[in-house]
Amino acid sequence: MEHKKILENISTEKYPVGLSGCKNQGKSYDCCEYDITIFDGKKEESFLECDGDFYHIHHGTLQETSPDILLQYDGMTILLDEQWELHVLLSKIKEKKQQISNAYVKNCLVEAGVCVTKTRQGLNDPYSSSWVKCAAYFLADAISVLNSYRPSPMHMLGILRELPKNKINSTVSVITDSIGIERSTLSLLSRMFKSTLGLSELVEGGFHSKIISRKYQYLIKNSLFSDCYFYLCYINRNNFKKVQDIDRKPELIHLLKIGFDLENDTSKIEFYANNLEDATNSLLSLAHE
């Protein structure tokens, strides 16, 4: 889509505007939305559908310091920047790309370690299997960035499959085994999808269900069942981590059990936790070489 048309479909009020995500660089599906960021300092997001195109409107700040957000801005296409402020930010990101990537990877590995610890501390807890899934996804994020790929739930499984064989990427099989993508079937995915929507509406609210539905339908239509399983669990990881005081919200247990396709066998949960801990420690040592 022409950049001029994108600007016509959103109200920018002359703030800097950029296009990121898979529509800007890398692999993209028809169902993928345009990720637009308006640098007006607001803390909100919205969703726009126009002429069959979907826009995910983010709001950012030119003083951003979070590594995970800065990585998403890297390589951004500038749509509007009258004062050249966005040019300056993107130049700084490019200059410090390695430092930003290192900080992001470290954060992911620390999070993975925390999730493994929480799994071990509550093997009989209803959320123990959820923490295993979270640990696996944090490792997947770390490996993506270590291979110079932007974390993207729709395309990550395909990327992980195609990575060259080396010490860092040897942990990919541990990740996919712990996630359980081999269990993906059409009937299971249908149940997971409904629970994923339910959790999203409780935690995020609003328009996110449209994005999830559009991507789910595309993946199912194209028989990308494993990718669909990976995507739904990734979204559930993000929302699970946003929930505060999870132990006080028993209504979420059923949604997580189905949406996350949780494992009930304690011995298997412990087995996956041990493997993920070994993978985390391995990546920590390799990242510092």
C-alpha atoms as a PDB file:
ATOM      1  CA  MET A   1       0.000   0.000   0.000  1.00  0.00           C
ATOM      2  CA  GLU A   2       1.211   3.501  -0.792  1.00  0.00           C
ATOM      3  CA  HIS A   3       2.393   5.409   2.258  1.00  0.00           C
ATOM      4  CA  LYS A   4       0.244   8.400   1.335  1.00  0.00           C
ATOM      5  CA  LYS A   5      -2.886   6.255   1.527  1.00  0.00           C
ATOM      6  CA  ILE A   6      -1.891   4.973   4.967  1.00  0.00           C
ATOM      7  CA  LEU A   7      -1.578   8.531   6.256  1.00  0.00           C
ATOM      8  CA  GLU A   8      -4.952   9.398   4.780  1.00  0.00           C
ATOM      9  CA  ASN A   9      -6.569   6.616   6.797  1.00  0.00           C
ATOM     10  CA  ILE A  10      -5.245   7.724  10.175  1.00  0.00           C
ATOM     11  CA  SER A  11      -5.364  11.017  12.035  1.00  0.00           C
ATOM     12  CA  THR A  12      -1.798  12.004  12.888  1.00  0.00           C
ATOM     13  CA  GLU A  13      -2.042  15.656  13.943  1.00  0.00           C
ATOM     14  CA  LYS A  14       1.419  16.179  12.403  1.00  0.00           C
ATOM     15  CA  TYR A  15       3.221  13.907  14.886  1.00  0.00           C
ATOM     16  CA  PRO A  16       5.982  11.640  13.543  1.00  0.00           C
ATOM     17  CA  VAL A  17       4.547   8.407  12.109  1.00  0.00           C
ATOM     18  CA  GLY A  18       6.306   5.162  11.213  1.00  0.00           C
ATOM     19  CA  LEU A  19       5.459   1.769   9.719  1.00  0.00           C
ATOM     20  CA  SER A  20       7.019  -1.313  11.308  1.00  0.00           C
ATOM     21  CA  GLY A  21       6.223  -5.017  11.584  1.00  0.00           C
ATOM     22  CA  CYS A  22       6.097  -7.663   8.879  1.00  0.00           C
ATOM     23  CA  LYS A  23       4.309  -5.404   6.386  1.00  0.00           C
ATOM     24  CA  ASN A  24       7.378  -3.200   6.518  1.00  0.00           C
ATOM     25  CA  GLN A  25      10.103  -5.819   6.416  1.00  0.00           C
ATOM     26  CA  GLY A  26      10.356  -9.577   6.293  1.00  0.00           C
ATOM     27  CA  LYS A  27       7.739 -12.228   5.627  1.00  0.00           C
ATOM     28  CA  SER A  28       4.110 -11.134   5.503  1.00  0.00           C
ATOM     29  CA  TYR A  29       0.750 -12.893   5.089  1.00  0.00           C
ATOM     30  CA  ASP A  30      -2.437 -11.385   3.679  1.00  0.00           C
ATOM     31  CA  CYS A  31      -3.932 -11.495   7.181  1.00  0.00           C
ATOM     32  CA  CYS A  32      -1.116  -9.455   8.722  1.00  0.00           C
ATOM     33  CA  GLU A  33      -1.978  -5.925   9.745  1.00  0.00           C
ATOM     34  CA  TYR A  34      -0.056  -2.715   9.154  1.00  0.00           C
ATOM     35  CA  ASP A  35       1.741  -1.779  12.372  1.00  0.00           C
ATOM     36  CA  ILE A  36       1.600   2.005  12.582  1.00  0.00           C
ATOM     37  CA  THR A  37       3.195   3.991  15.411  1.00  0.00           C
ATOM     38  CA  ILE A  38       2.285   7.622  16.063  1.00  0.00           C
ATOM     39  CA  PHE A  39       4.923   9.264  18.219  1.00  0.00           C
ATOM     40  CA  ASP A  40       2.669  11.485  20.294  1.00  0.00           C
ATOM     41  CA  GLY A  41       3.595  10.176  23.753  1.00  0.00           C
ATOM     42  CA  LYS A  42       0.159   8.672  24.415  1.00  0.00           C
ATOM     43  CA  LYS A  43      -0.297   5.286  26.088  1.00  0.00           C
ATOM     44  CA  GLU A  44      -3.002   3.661  24.027  1.00  0.00           C
ATOM     45  CA  GLU A  45      -3.594   1.613  20.908  1.00  0.00           C
ATOM     46  CA  SER A  46      -6.422   1.152  18.458  1.00  0.00           C
ATOM     47  CA  PHE A  47      -7.468  -0.843  15.428  1.00  0.00           C
ATOM     48  CA  LEU A  48      -8.684   0.381  12.061  1.00  0.00           C
ATOM     49  CA  GLU A  49     -10.131  -1.522   9.121  1.00  0.00           C
ATOM     50  CA  CYS A  50     -10.283   0.282   5.795  1.00  0.00           C
ATOM     51  CA  ASP A  51     -10.803  -1.086   2.275  1.00  0.00           C
ATOM     52  CA  GLY A  52      -9.901  -4.590   3.407  1.00  0.00           C
ATOM     53  CA  ASP A  53      -6.680  -3.484   5.068  1.00  0.00           C
ATOM     54  CA  PHE A  54      -6.112  -3.732   8.814  1.00  0.00           C
ATOM     55  CA  TYR A  55      -4.148  -1.180  10.817  1.00  0.00           C
ATOM     56  CA  HIS A  56      -2.859  -1.692  14.350  1.00  0.00           C
ATOM     57  CA  ILE A  57      -2.283   1.838  15.612  1.00  0.00           C
ATOM     58  CA  HIS A  58       0.317   2.096  18.359  1.00  0.00           C
ATOM     59  CA  HIS A  59       1.360   5.257  20.168  1.00  0.00           C
ATOM     60  CA  GLY A  60       4.965   5.742  21.155  1.00  0.00           C
ATOM     61  CA  THR A  61       7.457   8.205  22.514  1.00  0.00           C
ATOM     62  CA  LEU A  62      10.650   9.489  20.942  1.00  0.00           C
ATOM     63  CA  GLN A  63      12.313   8.942  24.334  1.00  0.00           C
ATOM     64  CA  GLU A  64      11.652   5.188  24.360  1.00  0.00           C
ATOM     65  CA  THR A  65      14.205   3.081  26.266  1.00  0.00           C
ATOM     66  CA  SER A  66      12.604  -0.405  26.391  1.00  0.00           C
ATOM     67  CA  PRO A  67      14.709  -2.889  24.346  1.00  0.00           C
ATOM     68  CA  ASP A  68      11.690  -4.913  23.159  1.00  0.00           C
ATOM     69  CA  ILE A  69       9.981  -1.804  21.754  1.00  0.00           C
ATOM     70  CA  LEU A  70      13.172  -0.362  20.265  1.00  0.00           C
ATOM     71  CA  LEU A  71      13.751  -3.649  18.423  1.00  0.00           C
ATOM     72  CA  GLN A  72      10.318  -3.310  16.835  1.00  0.00           C
ATOM     73  CA  TYR A  73      11.213   0.220  15.705  1.00  0.00           C
ATOM     74  CA  ASP A  74      14.478  -0.896  14.097  1.00  0.00           C
ATOM     75  CA  GLY A  75      14.230  -0.626  10.309  1.00  0.00           C
ATOM     76  CA  MET A  76      10.954   1.310  10.563  1.00  0.00           C
ATOM     77  CA  THR A  77       9.778   3.136   7.438  1.00  0.00           C
ATOM     78  CA  ILE A  78       9.147   6.808   8.171  1.00  0.00           C
ATOM     79  CA  LEU A  79       5.764   7.982   6.929  1.00  0.00           C
ATOM     80  CA  LEU A  80       5.791  11.464   8.440  1.00  0.00           C
ATOM     81  CA  ASP A  81       8.557  13.323  10.253  1.00  0.00           C
ATOM     82  CA  GLU A  82       8.485  17.051   9.585  1.00  0.00           C
ATOM     83  CA  GLN A  83      11.001  17.906  12.319  1.00  0.00           C
ATOM     84  CA  TRP A  84      13.288  14.909  11.633  1.00  0.00           C
ATOM     85  CA  GLU A  85      12.821  13.722  15.227  1.00  0.00           C
ATOM     86  CA  LEU A  86      12.009  10.160  14.182  1.00  0.00           C
ATOM     87  CA  HIS A  87      15.040  10.129  11.892  1.00  0.00           C
ATOM     88  CA  VAL A  88      17.200  10.898  14.926  1.00  0.00           C
ATOM     89  CA  LEU A  89      15.610   8.114  17.011  1.00  0.00           C
ATOM     90  CA  LEU A  90      16.014   5.495  14.277  1.00  0.00           C
ATOM     91  CA  SER A  91      19.616   6.569  13.735  1.00  0.00           C
ATOM     92  CA  LYS A  92      20.330   6.032  17.441  1.00  0.00           C
ATOM     93  CA  ILE A  93      18.657   2.607  17.327  1.00  0.00           C
ATOM     94  CA  LYS A  94      20.777   1.589  14.344  1.00  0.00           C
ATOM     95  CA  GLU A  95      23.921   2.801  16.076  1.00  0.00           C
ATOM     96  CA  LYS A  96      23.141   0.880  19.278  1.00  0.00           C
ATOM     97  CA  LYS A  97      21.473  -2.137  17.656  1.00  0.00           C
ATOM     98  CA  GLN A  98      23.852  -4.688  19.187  1.00  0.00           C
ATOM     99  CA  GLN A  99      23.490  -3.247  22.698  1.00  0.00           C
ATOM    100  CA  ILE A 100      19.706  -3.189  22.375  1.00  0.00           C
ATOM    101  CA  SER A 101      19.644  -6.785  21.111  1.00  0.00           C
ATOM    102  CA  ASN A 102      21.927  -7.953  23.924  1.00  0.00           C
ATOM    103  CA  ALA A 103      19.718  -6.275  26.536  1.00  0.00           C
ATOM    104  CA  TYR A 104      16.593  -7.846  25.016  1.00  0.00           C
ATOM    105  CA  VAL A 105      18.123 -11.340  24.925  1.00  0.00           C
ATOM    106  CA  LYS A 106      19.309 -11.021  28.525  1.00  0.00           C
ATOM    107  CA  ASN A 107      15.830  -9.947  29.652  1.00  0.00           C
ATOM    108  CA  CYS A 108      14.256 -12.927  27.845  1.00  0.00           C
ATOM    109  CA  LEU A 109      16.673 -15.409  29.405  1.00  0.00           C
ATOM    110  CA  VAL A 110      16.110 -13.955  32.879  1.00  0.00           C
ATOM    111  CA  GLU A 111      12.336 -14.218  32.346  1.00  0.00           C
ATOM    112  CA  ALA A 112      12.725 -17.823  31.174  1.00  0.00           C
ATOM    113  CA  GLY A 113      14.691 -18.638  34.323  1.00  0.00           C
ATOM    114  CA  VAL A 114      12.041 -17.043  36.524  1.00  0.00           C
ATOM    115  CA  CYS A 115       9.306 -19.057  34.781  1.00  0.00           C
ATOM    116  CA  VAL A 116      11.229 -22.312  35.281  1.00  0.00           C
ATOM    117  CA  THR A 117      11.648 -21.478  38.983  1.00  0.00           C
ATOM    118  CA  LYS A 118       7.909 -20.802  39.326  1.00  0.00           C
ATOM    119  CA  THR A 119       7.196 -24.135  37.663  1.00  0.00           C
ATOM    120  CA  ARG A 120       9.401 -25.984  40.136  1.00  0.00           C
ATOM    121  CA  GLN A 121       7.977 -24.141  43.140  1.00  0.00           C
ATOM    122  CA  GLY A 122       4.458 -25.247  42.298  1.00  0.00           C
ATOM    123  CA  LEU A 123       4.477 -28.517  40.388  1.00  0.00           C
ATOM    124  CA  ASN A 124       1.014 -29.313  41.728  1.00  0.00           C
ATOM    125  CA  ASP A 125      -0.171 -25.755  41.118  1.00  0.00           C
ATOM    126  CA  PRO A 126      -2.765 -25.358  38.298  1.00  0.00           C
ATOM    127  CA  TYR A 127      -0.476 -22.806  36.635  1.00  0.00           C
ATOM    128  CA  SER A 128       2.742 -24.865  36.617  1.00  0.00           C
ATOM    129  CA  SER A 129       2.308 -25.937  32.996  1.00  0.00           C
ATOM    130  CA  SER A 130       1.552 -22.320  32.037  1.00  0.00           C
ATOM    131  CA  TRP A 131       4.941 -21.251  33.391  1.00  0.00           C
ATOM    132  CA  VAL A 132       6.619 -23.969  31.310  1.00  0.00           C
ATOM    133  CA  LYS A 133       5.001 -22.583  28.167  1.00  0.00           C
ATOM    134  CA  CYS A 134       6.061 -19.054  29.117  1.00  0.00           C
ATOM    135  CA  ALA A 135       9.667 -20.147  29.620  1.00  0.00           C
ATOM    136  CA  ALA A 136       9.698 -21.818  26.201  1.00  0.00           C
ATOM    137  CA  TYR A 137       8.385 -18.704  24.478  1.00  0.00           C
ATOM    138  CA  PHE A 138      10.898 -16.412  26.165  1.00  0.00           C
ATOM    139  CA  LEU A 139      13.633 -18.710  24.865  1.00  0.00           C
ATOM    140  CA  ALA A 140      12.078 -18.598  21.385  1.00  0.00           C
ATOM    141  CA  ASP A 141      12.132 -14.791  21.505  1.00  0.00           C
ATOM    142  CA  ALA A 142      15.777 -14.831  22.590  1.00  0.00           C
ATOM    143  CA  ILE A 143      16.839 -17.215  19.811  1.00  0.00           C
ATOM    144  CA  SER A 144      15.002 -15.134  17.200  1.00  0.00           C
ATOM    145  CA  VAL A 145      16.924 -12.008  18.161  1.00  0.00           C
ATOM    146  CA  LEU A 146      20.229 -13.897  18.491  1.00  0.00           C
ATOM    147  CA  ASN A 147      19.674 -14.830  14.838  1.00  0.00           C
ATOM    148  CA  SER A 148      18.862 -11.189  13.943  1.00  0.00           C
ATOM    149  CA  TYR A 149      15.115 -11.740  13.489  1.00  0.00           C
ATOM    150  CA  ARG A 150      12.457  -9.464  14.933  1.00  0.00           C
ATOM    151  CA  PRO A 151      10.148 -11.406  17.301  1.00  0.00           C
ATOM    152  CA  SER A 152       6.880 -12.032  15.427  1.00  0.00           C
ATOM    153  CA  PRO A 153       4.405 -14.680  16.655  1.00  0.00           C
ATOM    154  CA  MET A 154       2.854 -15.322  13.225  1.00  0.00           C
ATOM    155  CA  HIS A 155       6.156 -16.093  11.532  1.00  0.00           C
ATOM    156  CA  MET A 156       8.438 -17.221  14.348  1.00  0.00           C
ATOM    157  CA  LEU A 157       7.868 -20.972  14.082  1.00  0.00           C
ATOM    158  CA  GLY A 158       8.686 -20.910  10.370  1.00  0.00           C
ATOM    159  CA  ILE A 159      11.849 -18.941  11.112  1.00  0.00           C
ATOM    160  CA  LEU A 160      12.914 -21.316  13.896  1.00  0.00           C
ATOM    161  CA  ARG A 161      12.501 -24.301  11.570  1.00  0.00           C
ATOM    162  CA  GLU A 162      14.836 -22.770   8.987  1.00  0.00           C
ATOM    163  CA  LEU A 163      17.638 -21.637  11.286  1.00  0.00           C
ATOM    164  CA  PRO A 164      21.112 -23.024  10.538  1.00  0.00           C
ATOM    165  CA  LYS A 165      22.422 -25.703  12.876  1.00  0.00           C
ATOM    166  CA  ASN A 166      24.780 -24.318  15.514  1.00  0.00           C
ATOM    167  CA  LYS A 167      25.183 -24.265  19.298  1.00  0.00           C
ATOM    168  CA  ILE A 168      22.644 -21.485  19.831  1.00  0.00           C
ATOM    169  CA  ASN A 169      19.969 -23.013  17.610  1.00  0.00           C
ATOM    170  CA  SER A 170      20.379 -26.508  19.034  1.00  0.00           C
ATOM    171  CA  THR A 171      17.868 -25.532  21.738  1.00  0.00           C
ATOM    172  CA  VAL A 172      15.026 -25.047  19.227  1.00  0.00           C
ATOM    173  CA  SER A 173      13.868 -28.678  19.556  1.00  0.00           C
ATOM    174  CA  VAL A 174      13.697 -28.298  23.346  1.00  0.00           C
ATOM    175  CA  ILE A 175      11.486 -25.245  22.879  1.00  0.00           C
ATOM    176  CA  THR A 176       9.082 -26.805  20.373  1.00  0.00           C
ATOM    177  CA  ASP A 177       8.826 -30.015  22.414  1.00  0.00           C
ATOM    178  CA  SER A 178       7.984 -28.041  25.567  1.00  0.00           C
ATOM    179  CA  ILE A 179       5.363 -25.988  23.731  1.00  0.00           C
ATOM    180  CA  GLY A 180       3.719 -29.136  22.333  1.00  0.00           C
ATOM    181  CA  ILE A 181       3.077 -28.130  18.727  1.00  0.00           C
ATOM    182  CA  GLU A 182       2.956 -31.792  17.694  1.00  0.00           C
ATOM    183  CA  ARG A 183      -0.478 -31.982  19.349  1.00  0.00           C
ATOM    184  CA  SER A 184      -2.030 -29.459  16.949  1.00  0.00           C
ATOM    185  CA  THR A 185      -5.214 -30.775  15.337  1.00  0.00           C
ATOM    186  CA  LEU A 186      -8.131 -28.909  13.810  1.00  0.00           C
ATOM    187  CA  SER A 187     -10.511 -29.759  16.662  1.00  0.00           C
ATOM    188  CA  LEU A 188      -7.983 -28.818  19.348  1.00  0.00           C
ATOM    189  CA  LEU A 189      -7.126 -25.544  17.605  1.00  0.00           C
ATOM    190  CA  SER A 190     -10.808 -24.633  17.434  1.00  0.00           C
ATOM    191  CA  ARG A 191     -11.109 -25.018  21.219  1.00  0.00           C
ATOM    192  CA  MET A 192      -7.820 -23.202  21.831  1.00  0.00           C
ATOM    193  CA  PHE A 193      -8.959 -20.333  19.616  1.00  0.00           C
ATOM    194  CA  LYS A 194     -12.175 -19.772  21.571  1.00  0.00           C
ATOM    195  CA  SER A 195     -10.342 -19.763  24.897  1.00  0.00           C
ATOM    196  CA  THR A 196      -7.628 -17.492  23.510  1.00  0.00           C
ATOM    197  CA  LEU A 197     -10.309 -14.994  22.504  1.00  0.00           C
ATOM    198  CA  GLY A 198     -11.867 -15.252  25.969  1.00  0.00           C
ATOM    199  CA  LEU A 199      -8.565 -14.575  27.730  1.00  0.00           C
ATOM    200  CA  SER A 200      -7.740 -11.728  25.356  1.00  0.00           C
ATOM    201  CA  GLU A 201     -11.088 -10.044  25.978  1.00  0.00           C
ATOM    202  CA  LEU A 202     -10.624 -10.332  29.749  1.00  0.00           C
ATOM    203  CA  VAL A 203      -7.052  -9.038  29.777  1.00  0.00           C
ATOM    204  CA  GLU A 204      -6.749  -6.757  26.724  1.00  0.00           C
ATOM    205  CA  GLY A 205     -10.331  -5.975  25.808  1.00  0.00           C
ATOM    206  CA  GLY A 206     -11.418  -4.167  22.659  1.00  0.00           C
ATOM    207  CA  PHE A 207     -10.206  -4.888  19.174  1.00  0.00           C
ATOM    208  CA  HIS A 208      -7.546  -7.558  19.731  1.00  0.00           C
ATOM    209  CA  SER A 209     -10.054 -10.355  19.112  1.00  0.00           C
ATOM    210  CA  LYS A 210     -10.404  -9.136  15.508  1.00  0.00           C
ATOM    211  CA  ILE A 211      -6.682  -9.481  14.931  1.00  0.00           C
ATOM    212  CA  ILE A 212      -6.557 -12.933  16.544  1.00  0.00           C
ATOM    213  CA  SER A 213      -9.607 -14.138  14.580  1.00  0.00           C
ATOM    214  CA  ARG A 214      -8.264 -12.918  11.248  1.00  0.00           C
ATOM    215  CA  LYS A 215      -4.921 -14.659  11.760  1.00  0.00           C
ATOM    216  CA  TYR A 216      -6.469 -17.855  13.108  1.00  0.00           C
ATOM    217  CA  GLN A 217      -8.762 -18.128  10.075  1.00  0.00           C
ATOM    218  CA  TYR A 218      -5.863 -17.566   7.686  1.00  0.00           C
ATOM    219  CA  LEU A 219      -3.648 -20.195   9.323  1.00  0.00           C
ATOM    220  CA  ILE A 220      -6.444 -22.772   9.421  1.00  0.00           C
ATOM    221  CA  LYS A 221      -7.455 -22.082   5.819  1.00  0.00           C
ATOM    222  CA  ASN A 222      -3.882 -22.651   4.711  1.00  0.00           C
ATOM    223  CA  SER A 223      -3.496 -25.796   6.869  1.00  0.00           C
ATOM    224  CA  LEU A 224      -0.721 -24.206   8.941  1.00  0.00           C
ATOM    225  CA  PHE A 225      -1.853 -26.047  12.058  1.00  0.00           C
ATOM    226  CA  SER A 226       1.491 -26.084  13.901  1.00  0.00           C
ATOM    227  CA  ASP A 227       1.989 -22.388  13.197  1.00  0.00           C
ATOM    228  CA  CYS A 228      -1.533 -21.717  14.453  1.00  0.00           C
ATOM    229  CA  TYR A 229      -0.851 -23.630  17.678  1.00  0.00           C
ATOM    230  CA  PHE A 230       2.388 -21.689  18.156  1.00  0.00           C
ATOM    231  CA  TYR A 231       0.627 -18.358  17.490  1.00  0.00           C
ATOM    232  CA  LEU A 232      -2.285 -18.956  19.871  1.00  0.00           C
ATOM    233  CA  CYS A 233      -0.001 -20.034  22.709  1.00  0.00           C
ATOM    234  CA  TYR A 234       2.246 -17.015  22.093  1.00  0.00           C
ATOM    235  CA  ILE A 235      -0.734 -14.674  22.471  1.00  0.00           C
ATOM    236  CA  ASN A 236      -1.776 -16.517  25.634  1.00  0.00           C
ATOM    237  CA  ARG A 237       1.775 -16.175  27.021  1.00  0.00           C
ATOM    238  CA  ASN A 238       1.599 -12.416  26.534  1.00  0.00           C
ATOM    239  CA  ASN A 239      -1.782 -12.125  28.241  1.00  0.00           C
ATOM    240  CA  PHE A 240      -0.958 -14.568  31.039  1.00  0.00           C
ATOM    241  CA  LYS A 241       2.062 -12.436  31.945  1.00  0.00           C
ATOM    242  CA  LYS A 242      -0.124  -9.319  32.123  1.00  0.00           C
ATOM    243  CA  VAL A 243      -2.458 -10.753  34.757  1.00  0.00           C
ATOM    244  CA  GLN A 244      -1.835  -9.447  38.269  1.00  0.00           C
ATOM    245  CA  ASP A 245      -2.569 -11.593  41.337  1.00  0.00           C
ATOM    246  CA  ILE A 246      -3.181 -14.647  39.163  1.00  0.00           C
ATOM    247  CA  ASP A 247      -3.859 -16.872  42.191  1.00  0.00           C
ATOM    248  CA  ARG A 248      -6.876 -14.739  43.058  1.00  0.00           C
ATOM    249  CA  LYS A 249      -8.483 -15.215  39.657  1.00  0.00           C
ATOM    250  CA  PRO A 250      -9.635 -18.846  39.446  1.00  0.00           C
ATOM    251  CA  GLU A 251     -11.911 -17.980  36.523  1.00  0.00           C
ATOM    252  CA  LEU A 252      -8.818 -17.876  34.323  1.00  0.00           C
ATOM    253  CA  ILE A 253      -7.796 -21.458  35.007  1.00  0.00           C
ATOM    254  CA  HIS A 254     -10.298 -22.972  32.560  1.00  0.00           C
ATOM    255  CA  LEU A 255      -9.385 -20.511  29.789  1.00  0.00           C
ATOM    256  CA  LEU A 256      -5.677 -21.185  30.267  1.00  0.00           C
ATOM    257  CA  LYS A 257      -6.151 -24.949  30.458  1.00  0.00           C
ATOM    258  CA  ILE A 258      -7.706 -25.000  26.988  1.00  0.00           C
ATOM    259  CA  GLY A 259      -6.097 -21.951  25.369  1.00  0.00           C
ATOM    260  CA  PHE A 260      -2.596 -23.009  26.451  1.00  0.00           C
ATOM    261  CA  ASP A 261      -3.326 -26.737  25.922  1.00  0.00           C
ATOM    262  CA  LEU A 262      -1.829 -27.399  29.346  1.00  0.00           C
ATOM    263  CA  GLU A 263      -0.050 -30.584  30.359  1.00  0.00           C
ATOM    264  CA  ASN A 264      -1.453 -32.359  33.447  1.00  0.00           C
ATOM    265  CA  ASP A 265       1.295 -34.941  33.953  1.00  0.00           C
ATOM    266  CA  THR A 266       3.564 -33.630  36.735  1.00  0.00           C
ATOM    267  CA  SER A 267       6.498 -35.779  35.636  1.00  0.00           C
ATOM    268  CA  LYS A 268       6.310 -34.339  32.106  1.00  0.00           C
ATOM    269  CA  ILE A 269       6.054 -30.795  33.437  1.00  0.00           C
ATOM    270  CA  GLU A 270       9.167 -31.350  35.540  1.00  0.00           C
ATOM    271  CA  PHE A 271      10.943 -32.931  32.558  1.00  0.00           C
ATOM    272  CA  TYR A 272      10.210 -29.926  30.348  1.00  0.00           C
ATOM    273  CA  ALA A 273      11.254 -27.537  33.132  1.00  0.00           C
ATOM    274  CA  ASN A 274      14.616 -29.292  33.492  1.00  0.00           C
ATOM    275  CA  ASN A 275      15.237 -29.195  29.744  1.00  0.00           C
ATOM    276  CA  LEU A 276      14.287 -25.522  29.534  1.00  0.00           C
ATOM    277  CA  GLU A 277      16.570 -24.694  32.450  1.00  0.00           C
ATOM    278  CA  ASP A 278      19.471 -26.421  30.679  1.00  0.00           C
ATOM    279  CA  ALA A 279      18.644 -24.554  27.454  1.00  0.00           C
ATOM    280  CA  THR A 280      18.468 -21.227  29.310  1.00  0.00           C
ATOM    281  CA  ASN A 281      21.830 -21.781  30.977  1.00  0.00           C
ATOM    282  CA  SER A 282      23.337 -22.841  27.655  1.00  0.00           C
ATOM    283  CA  LEU A 283      22.099 -19.691  25.907  1.00  0.00           C
ATOM    284  CA  LEU A 284      23.305 -17.518  28.782  1.00  0.00           C
ATOM    285  CA  SER A 285      26.816 -18.908  28.442  1.00  0.00           C
ATOM    286  CA  LEU A 286      26.822 -18.666  24.641  1.00  0.00           C
ATOM    287  CA  ALA A 287      25.456 -15.112  24.698  1.00  0.00           C
ATOM    288  CA  HIS A 288      28.452 -14.027  26.778  1.00  0.00           C
ATOM    289  CA  GLU A 289      31.070 -15.625  24.532  1.00  0.00           C
END
